[in-house]
Amino acid sequence: MILALAVLAKNTKIVMGKTKNIIIFILVGTAFSAGIYFRDDAIKFYNSFNKQVQTQTQNFQKTNVNSIVSEVGKQILAPAPLNIGGNNDNQITLLQSKIISETNSQRKENGNLPALKENAELDETAAAKAADLFKNQYFEHVSPTGVDPGKLAQSYGYNYIIEGENLILGNFSSEKEVVQDWMNSKEHRANILNNRYTEIGVAIVKGTYKNETVWIGVQEFGFPLSACEDPDANLKNQIDSDNNELNTLSTQIDANKKQIDNAGQNSPAYSQMVDDYNQLIAQYNSLAETAKSLVTKYNNQVNTFNNCVLGK
């Protein structure tokens, strides 16, 4: 018998499908259908802003900066009963490298998808998950202490946009059989063939589960946050600095205008006051044009980042 679980992490919640019974080689086994695992704080958010800058001669309106919003539901399945049996040959050795190779073979054969690159942090995540399943004798994506796959991956330094996990438990004759059993399940297959994943980590470990000697296999898939280029933080800082300076200039312009109005045209200092006022206006308008150009450039960078995150 084989148990399998799959999950797709993307931004803190689980959406899982219905449990179904399947036939696995000559034994009747139970597999978990799996769905989508979302984690909202996996994506960097860029808050929108909309501040109006005014002058005596020009209104300057900043463009809204886009932000990403994701809302998901949550549904968790109860565990299926265990029925472990089948090949329990202690001489069989299953290798992590071959699990990765078989996975990439499936990607090539089913859509000619790019091979997944092995990632050290995802390898550590997979190894930690397998060890925890044996240690605490459970078979779920979320540990008894509430650690989900996304949190586990981040704890090993993997910052992601989407992250997925496949689990399998049982006795197997080869790495190819392990991967094929995942491929025989719609949800596990979807993780293996997800065209947004670029990286993988794997653990395949033998141990004792419910008094039976079995293998536990873990696949961790990911699309790293580093794959999407961040908007330029220095550019955003310059925009904020320019906006502060524009506000200061606006206050000075208002004060000078009031001073001119109170002095009147007959004042000996009137001409100089007007010259000073006009210089402030010119300075303000020049800076406003520069800031407007920077805002457009920054918004384009934000849109590029958002489109990368959303896979557009």
Protein backbone atom coordinates (compact mmCIF):
# COMPACT_ATOMS: atom_id res chain seq x y z
CA MET A 1 0.00 0.00 0.00
CA ILE A 2 1.12 3.51 -0.72
CA LEU A 3 0.03 6.80 0.75
CA ALA A 4 0.61 9.98 -1.17
CA LEU A 5 0.01 13.65 -0.50
CA ALA A 6 0.55 16.60 -2.80
CA VAL A 7 0.27 20.30 -2.22
CA LEU A 8 1.01 23.50 -4.16
CA ALA A 9 2.18 26.41 -2.08
CA LYS A 10 1.70 29.81 -3.44
CA ASN A 11 0.94 32.42 -1.08
CA THR A 12 -1.16 30.50 4.00
CA LYS A 13 -3.97 28.29 3.31
CA ILE A 14 -4.84 24.85 2.01
CA VAL A 15 -7.31 23.87 -0.61
CA MET A 16 -7.42 20.12 -0.95
CA GLY A 17 -9.59 17.87 -3.05
CA LYS A 18 -11.61 14.79 -2.14
CA THR A 19 -10.02 11.54 -1.02
CA LYS A 20 -10.29 8.72 -3.54
CA ASN A 21 -9.28 5.05 -3.62
CA ILE A 22 -6.93 3.94 -6.36
CA ILE A 23 -5.35 0.69 -7.48
CA ILE A 24 -1.59 0.61 -7.05
CA PHE A 25 0.15 -2.32 -8.80
CA ILE A 26 -1.23 -5.56 -7.30
CA LEU A 27 -2.34 -4.02 -4.00
CA VAL A 28 -5.29 -1.82 -3.18
CA GLY A 29 -4.00 1.39 -1.68
CA THR A 30 -5.15 4.81 -0.62
CA ALA A 31 -3.86 8.03 -2.09
CA PHE A 32 -4.61 11.58 -1.05
CA SER A 33 -5.81 13.94 -3.69
CA ALA A 34 -4.22 17.26 -3.12
CA GLY A 35 -4.83 20.79 -4.13
CA ILE A 36 -3.36 24.20 -3.73
CA TYR A 37 -1.42 25.52 -0.81
CA PHE A 38 -1.37 29.29 -0.63
CA ARG A 39 0.84 31.53 1.42
CA ASP A 40 0.05 35.25 1.23
CA ASP A 41 3.31 36.63 2.61
CA ALA A 42 5.37 34.70 0.06
CA ILE A 43 4.82 37.48 -2.43
CA LYS A 44 6.32 40.91 -1.87
CA PHE A 45 3.59 43.53 -1.86
CA TYR A 46 4.07 47.06 -3.11
CA ASN A 47 1.43 49.32 -1.57
CA SER A 48 -0.36 51.77 -3.78
CA PHE A 49 0.10 55.47 -3.26
CA ASN A 50 -1.73 58.42 -4.74
CA LYS A 51 -0.45 61.78 -3.49
CA GLN A 52 -1.31 65.02 -5.22
CA VAL A 53 1.31 67.76 -5.56
CA GLN A 54 0.11 71.25 -6.40
CA THR A 55 1.71 74.51 -7.55
CA GLN A 56 0.37 77.88 -8.62
CA THR A 57 0.85 76.99 -12.28
CA GLN A 58 0.67 73.19 -12.45
CA ASN A 59 -1.07 70.20 -10.90
CA PHE A 60 1.09 67.09 -10.66
CA GLN A 61 -0.59 63.73 -10.00
CA LYS A 62 1.44 60.63 -9.15
CA THR A 63 0.42 57.35 -10.70
CA ASN A 64 -0.88 54.55 -8.47
CA VAL A 65 1.66 51.82 -7.80
CA ASN A 66 0.13 48.38 -8.35
CA SER A 67 -0.14 45.82 -5.57
CA ILE A 68 -0.98 42.15 -5.64
CA VAL A 69 -3.94 40.76 -3.72
CA SER A 70 -4.70 37.08 -3.23
CA GLU A 71 -7.69 35.59 -1.42
CA VAL A 72 -8.11 31.86 -0.89
CA GLY A 73 -10.26 29.45 1.05
CA LYS A 74 -9.27 26.61 3.34
CA GLN A 75 -10.28 22.97 3.45
CA ILE A 76 -8.31 20.17 5.12
CA LEU A 77 -8.89 16.46 4.58
CA ALA A 78 -8.82 13.90 7.39
CA PRO A 79 -6.15 11.19 7.05
CA ALA A 80 -7.07 8.00 5.24
CA PRO A 81 -6.58 4.64 7.03
CA LEU A 82 -3.17 3.02 6.61
CA ASN A 83 -2.71 -0.31 4.85
CA ILE A 84 1.01 -0.73 4.39
CA GLY A 85 2.34 -3.76 2.59
CA GLY A 86 4.01 -4.89 -0.63
CA ASN A 87 7.69 -5.00 -1.48
CA ASN A 88 9.80 -4.71 1.68
CA ASP A 89 13.18 -5.79 0.31
CA ASN A 90 15.81 -4.47 2.73
CA GLN A 91 18.44 -4.75 -0.02
CA ILE A 92 16.81 -2.03 -2.15
CA THR A 93 18.45 1.38 -2.02
CA LEU A 94 16.60 4.39 -3.40
CA LEU A 95 18.59 7.48 -4.36
CA GLN A 96 17.62 11.14 -4.23
CA SER A 97 19.47 11.87 -7.48
CA LYS A 98 17.48 9.25 -9.36
CA ILE A 99 14.16 10.59 -8.02
CA ILE A 100 15.14 13.98 -9.46
CA SER A 101 16.23 12.40 -12.73
CA GLU A 102 12.97 10.43 -13.07
CA THR A 103 10.97 13.56 -12.25
CA ASN A 104 12.71 15.53 -14.98
CA SER A 105 12.17 12.65 -17.40
CA GLN A 106 8.44 12.87 -16.74
CA ARG A 107 8.53 16.62 -17.36
CA LYS A 108 10.32 16.09 -20.66
CA GLU A 109 7.97 13.32 -21.79
CA ASN A 110 4.82 15.23 -20.80
CA GLY A 111 5.00 18.61 -22.46
CA ASN A 112 8.75 18.93 -23.00
CA LEU A 113 8.99 21.04 -19.84
CA PRO A 114 12.37 22.41 -18.69
CA ALA A 115 14.28 20.26 -16.22
CA LEU A 116 14.05 21.30 -12.58
CA LYS A 117 17.31 22.45 -11.01
CA GLU A 118 18.24 20.91 -7.68
CA ASN A 119 18.21 23.49 -4.89
CA ALA A 120 20.14 22.97 -1.63
CA GLU A 121 17.56 24.75 0.56
CA LEU A 122 14.74 22.64 -0.90
CA ASP A 123 16.83 19.49 -0.34
CA GLU A 124 17.20 20.48 3.31
CA THR A 125 13.48 21.19 3.52
CA ALA A 126 12.62 17.77 2.08
CA ALA A 127 15.04 15.98 4.41
CA ALA A 128 13.65 17.82 7.43
CA LYS A 129 10.08 16.94 6.42
CA ALA A 130 10.88 13.23 6.02
CA ALA A 131 12.67 13.15 9.39
CA ASP A 132 9.73 14.88 11.08
CA LEU A 133 7.18 12.46 9.57
CA PHE A 134 9.10 9.50 11.01
CA LYS A 135 9.84 11.17 14.34
CA ASN A 136 6.28 12.28 15.04
CA GLN A 137 4.50 9.45 13.17
CA TYR A 138 2.15 11.50 11.02
CA PHE A 139 1.55 11.83 7.29
CA GLU A 140 0.29 15.33 6.55
CA HIS A 141 1.58 18.47 4.89
CA VAL A 142 1.11 20.44 8.11
CA SER A 143 3.03 19.15 11.12
CA PRO A 144 1.40 18.57 14.54
CA THR A 145 3.01 21.84 15.65
CA GLY A 146 1.41 23.73 12.77
CA VAL A 147 4.44 24.07 10.48
CA ASP A 148 3.28 24.05 6.84
CA PRO A 149 5.50 23.41 3.78
CA GLY A 150 5.91 27.11 3.02
CA LYS A 151 7.04 27.95 6.55
CA LEU A 152 9.38 24.96 6.57
CA ALA A 153 10.97 26.02 3.27
CA GLN A 154 11.43 29.58 4.51
CA SER A 155 13.04 28.31 7.72
CA TYR A 156 15.76 26.80 5.51
CA GLY A 157 16.28 30.07 3.67
CA TYR A 158 14.07 29.43 0.64
CA ASN A 159 12.03 32.50 -0.25
CA TYR A 160 9.49 31.64 -2.89
CA ILE A 161 6.68 32.89 -5.05
CA ILE A 162 5.14 29.43 -5.35
CA GLU A 163 6.17 26.26 -3.56
CA GLY A 164 4.75 22.74 -3.79
CA GLU A 165 5.16 19.49 -1.93
CA ASN A 166 4.53 15.83 -2.81
CA LEU A 167 4.68 13.14 -0.14
CA ILE A 168 4.63 9.36 -0.55
CA LEU A 169 4.90 6.48 1.89
CA GLY A 170 5.24 2.76 1.20
CA ASN A 171 7.57 0.10 -0.19
CA PHE A 172 9.02 0.47 -3.68
CA SER A 173 11.29 -1.47 -6.03
CA SER A 174 12.85 1.57 -7.75
CA GLU A 175 12.96 5.35 -8.01
CA LYS A 176 11.01 5.10 -11.25
CA GLU A 177 8.19 3.33 -9.42
CA VAL A 178 8.07 6.08 -6.78
CA VAL A 179 7.76 8.83 -9.38
CA GLN A 180 5.29 6.83 -11.47
CA ASP A 181 3.04 6.37 -8.42
CA TRP A 182 3.02 10.15 -8.01
CA MET A 183 2.29 10.55 -11.71
CA ASN A 184 -0.68 8.18 -11.40
CA SER A 185 -2.39 10.72 -9.11
CA LYS A 186 -3.86 13.81 -10.78
CA GLU A 187 -2.75 16.25 -8.06
CA HIS A 188 0.78 14.88 -7.64
CA ARG A 189 1.15 14.81 -11.40
CA ALA A 190 0.07 18.46 -11.52
CA ASN A 191 2.89 19.38 -9.13
CA ILE A 192 5.47 17.44 -11.14
CA LEU A 193 4.30 19.01 -14.41
CA ASN A 194 3.74 22.53 -13.12
CA ASN A 195 5.44 24.74 -15.72
CA ARG A 196 6.11 27.53 -13.24
CA TYR A 197 8.42 25.49 -11.05
CA THR A 198 12.11 25.87 -11.79
CA GLU A 199 13.71 24.18 -8.75
CA ILE A 200 13.36 20.96 -6.77
CA GLY A 201 14.56 19.33 -3.56
CA VAL A 202 14.07 15.63 -2.73
CA ALA A 203 14.44 13.27 0.20
CA ILE A 204 13.88 9.49 0.08
CA VAL A 205 14.33 7.91 3.52
CA LYS A 206 13.70 4.45 5.00
CA GLY A 207 12.41 4.20 8.55
CA THR A 208 9.74 2.82 10.85
CA TYR A 209 6.21 4.12 10.49
CA LYS A 210 3.37 2.60 12.54
CA ASN A 211 5.61 -0.39 13.34
CA GLU A 212 6.33 -1.04 9.64
CA THR A 213 9.59 -0.50 7.76
CA VAL A 214 8.78 1.80 4.84
CA TRP A 215 10.20 4.47 2.57
CA ILE A 216 9.01 8.05 2.81
CA GLY A 217 9.59 10.23 -0.22
CA VAL A 218 9.34 14.02 -0.26
CA GLN A 219 9.47 16.33 -3.27
CA GLU A 220 9.71 20.08 -2.69
CA PHE A 221 9.13 22.25 -5.76
CA GLY A 222 9.73 25.97 -6.03
CA PHE A 223 9.78 29.12 -8.07
CA PRO A 224 12.09 31.44 -6.09
CA LEU A 225 11.30 35.03 -5.26
CA SER A 226 14.69 36.00 -6.67
CA ALA A 227 13.45 35.04 -10.15
CA CYS A 228 11.37 38.24 -10.24
CA GLU A 229 13.44 41.40 -10.19
CA ASP A 230 12.53 43.80 -7.39
CA PRO A 231 11.61 47.38 -8.21
CA ASP A 232 14.59 49.65 -7.51
CA ALA A 233 14.45 50.62 -3.83
CA ASN A 234 16.82 53.53 -4.44
CA LEU A 235 14.43 54.83 -7.09
CA LYS A 236 11.52 54.65 -4.64
CA ASN A 237 13.62 56.47 -2.02
CA GLN A 238 14.43 59.21 -4.55
CA ILE A 239 10.71 59.59 -5.35
CA ASP A 240 9.92 59.95 -1.65
CA SER A 241 12.74 62.46 -1.23
CA ASP A 242 11.55 64.50 -4.23
CA ASN A 243 8.01 64.45 -2.89
CA ASN A 244 9.18 65.81 0.47
CA GLU A 245 11.13 68.56 -1.27
CA LEU A 246 8.10 69.42 -3.42
CA ASN A 247 5.99 69.76 -0.28
CA THR A 248 8.59 72.07 1.24
CA LEU A 249 8.75 74.19 -1.91
CA SER A 250 4.95 74.35 -2.05
CA THR A 251 4.87 75.73 1.50
CA GLN A 252 7.50 78.35 0.60
CA ILE A 253 5.59 79.32 -2.56
CA ASP A 254 2.38 79.83 -0.60
CA ALA A 255 4.19 81.93 2.01
CA ASN A 256 5.90 84.09 -0.63
CA LYS A 257 2.65 84.64 -2.50
CA LYS A 258 0.97 85.79 0.69
CA GLN A 259 3.90 88.12 1.42
CA ILE A 260 3.66 89.64 -2.07
CA ASP A 261 -0.09 90.17 -1.74
CA ASN A 262 0.33 91.88 1.63
CA ALA A 263 3.19 94.09 0.46
CA GLY A 264 1.50 95.48 -2.65
CA GLN A 265 3.08 96.73 -5.86
CA ASN A 266 4.22 100.02 -4.28
CA SER A 267 6.56 98.24 -1.89
CA PRO A 268 10.30 98.87 -2.59
CA ALA A 269 10.94 95.13 -2.23
CA TYR A 270 8.05 94.12 -4.50
CA SER A 271 10.16 93.45 -7.60
CA GLN A 272 12.67 91.30 -5.71
CA MET A 273 9.85 89.40 -3.99
CA VAL A 274 8.28 88.59 -7.38
CA ASP A 275 11.62 87.43 -8.75
CA ASP A 276 12.14 85.16 -5.73
CA TYR A 277 8.60 83.79 -6.12
CA ASN A 278 9.07 83.06 -9.83
CA GLN A 279 12.35 81.29 -9.14
CA LEU A 280 10.60 79.03 -6.61
CA ILE A 281 7.88 78.27 -9.16
CA ALA A 282 10.48 77.35 -11.79
CA GLN A 283 12.36 75.19 -9.28
CA TYR A 284 9.15 73.44 -8.25
CA ASN A 285 8.01 72.74 -11.82
CA SER A 286 11.40 71.38 -12.83
CA LEU A 287 11.50 69.00 -9.85
CA ALA A 288 7.87 67.97 -10.46
CA GLU A 289 8.70 66.93 -14.02
CA THR A 290 11.70 64.93 -12.81
CA ALA A 291 9.64 63.23 -10.11
CA LYS A 292 6.88 62.41 -12.60
CA SER A 293 9.41 60.67 -14.85
CA LEU A 294 10.80 58.68 -11.91
CA VAL A 295 7.30 57.60 -10.84
CA THR A 296 6.56 56.33 -14.35
CA LYS A 297 9.82 54.37 -14.38
CA TYR A 298 9.14 52.91 -10.92
CA ASN A 299 5.59 51.90 -11.81
CA ASN A 300 6.87 50.10 -14.89
CA GLN A 301 9.26 48.15 -12.67
CA VAL A 302 6.43 47.29 -10.27
CA ASN A 303 4.25 46.10 -13.15
CA THR A 304 7.10 43.92 -14.41
CA PHE A 305 7.55 42.41 -10.94
CA ASN A 306 3.81 41.80 -10.53
CA ASN A 307 3.52 40.16 -13.93
CA CYS A 308 6.43 37.88 -13.10
CA VAL A 309 4.81 36.91 -9.78
CA LEU A 310 1.51 36.18 -11.50
CA GLY A 311 3.13 34.30 -14.36
CA LYS A 312 2.00 36.70 -17.06
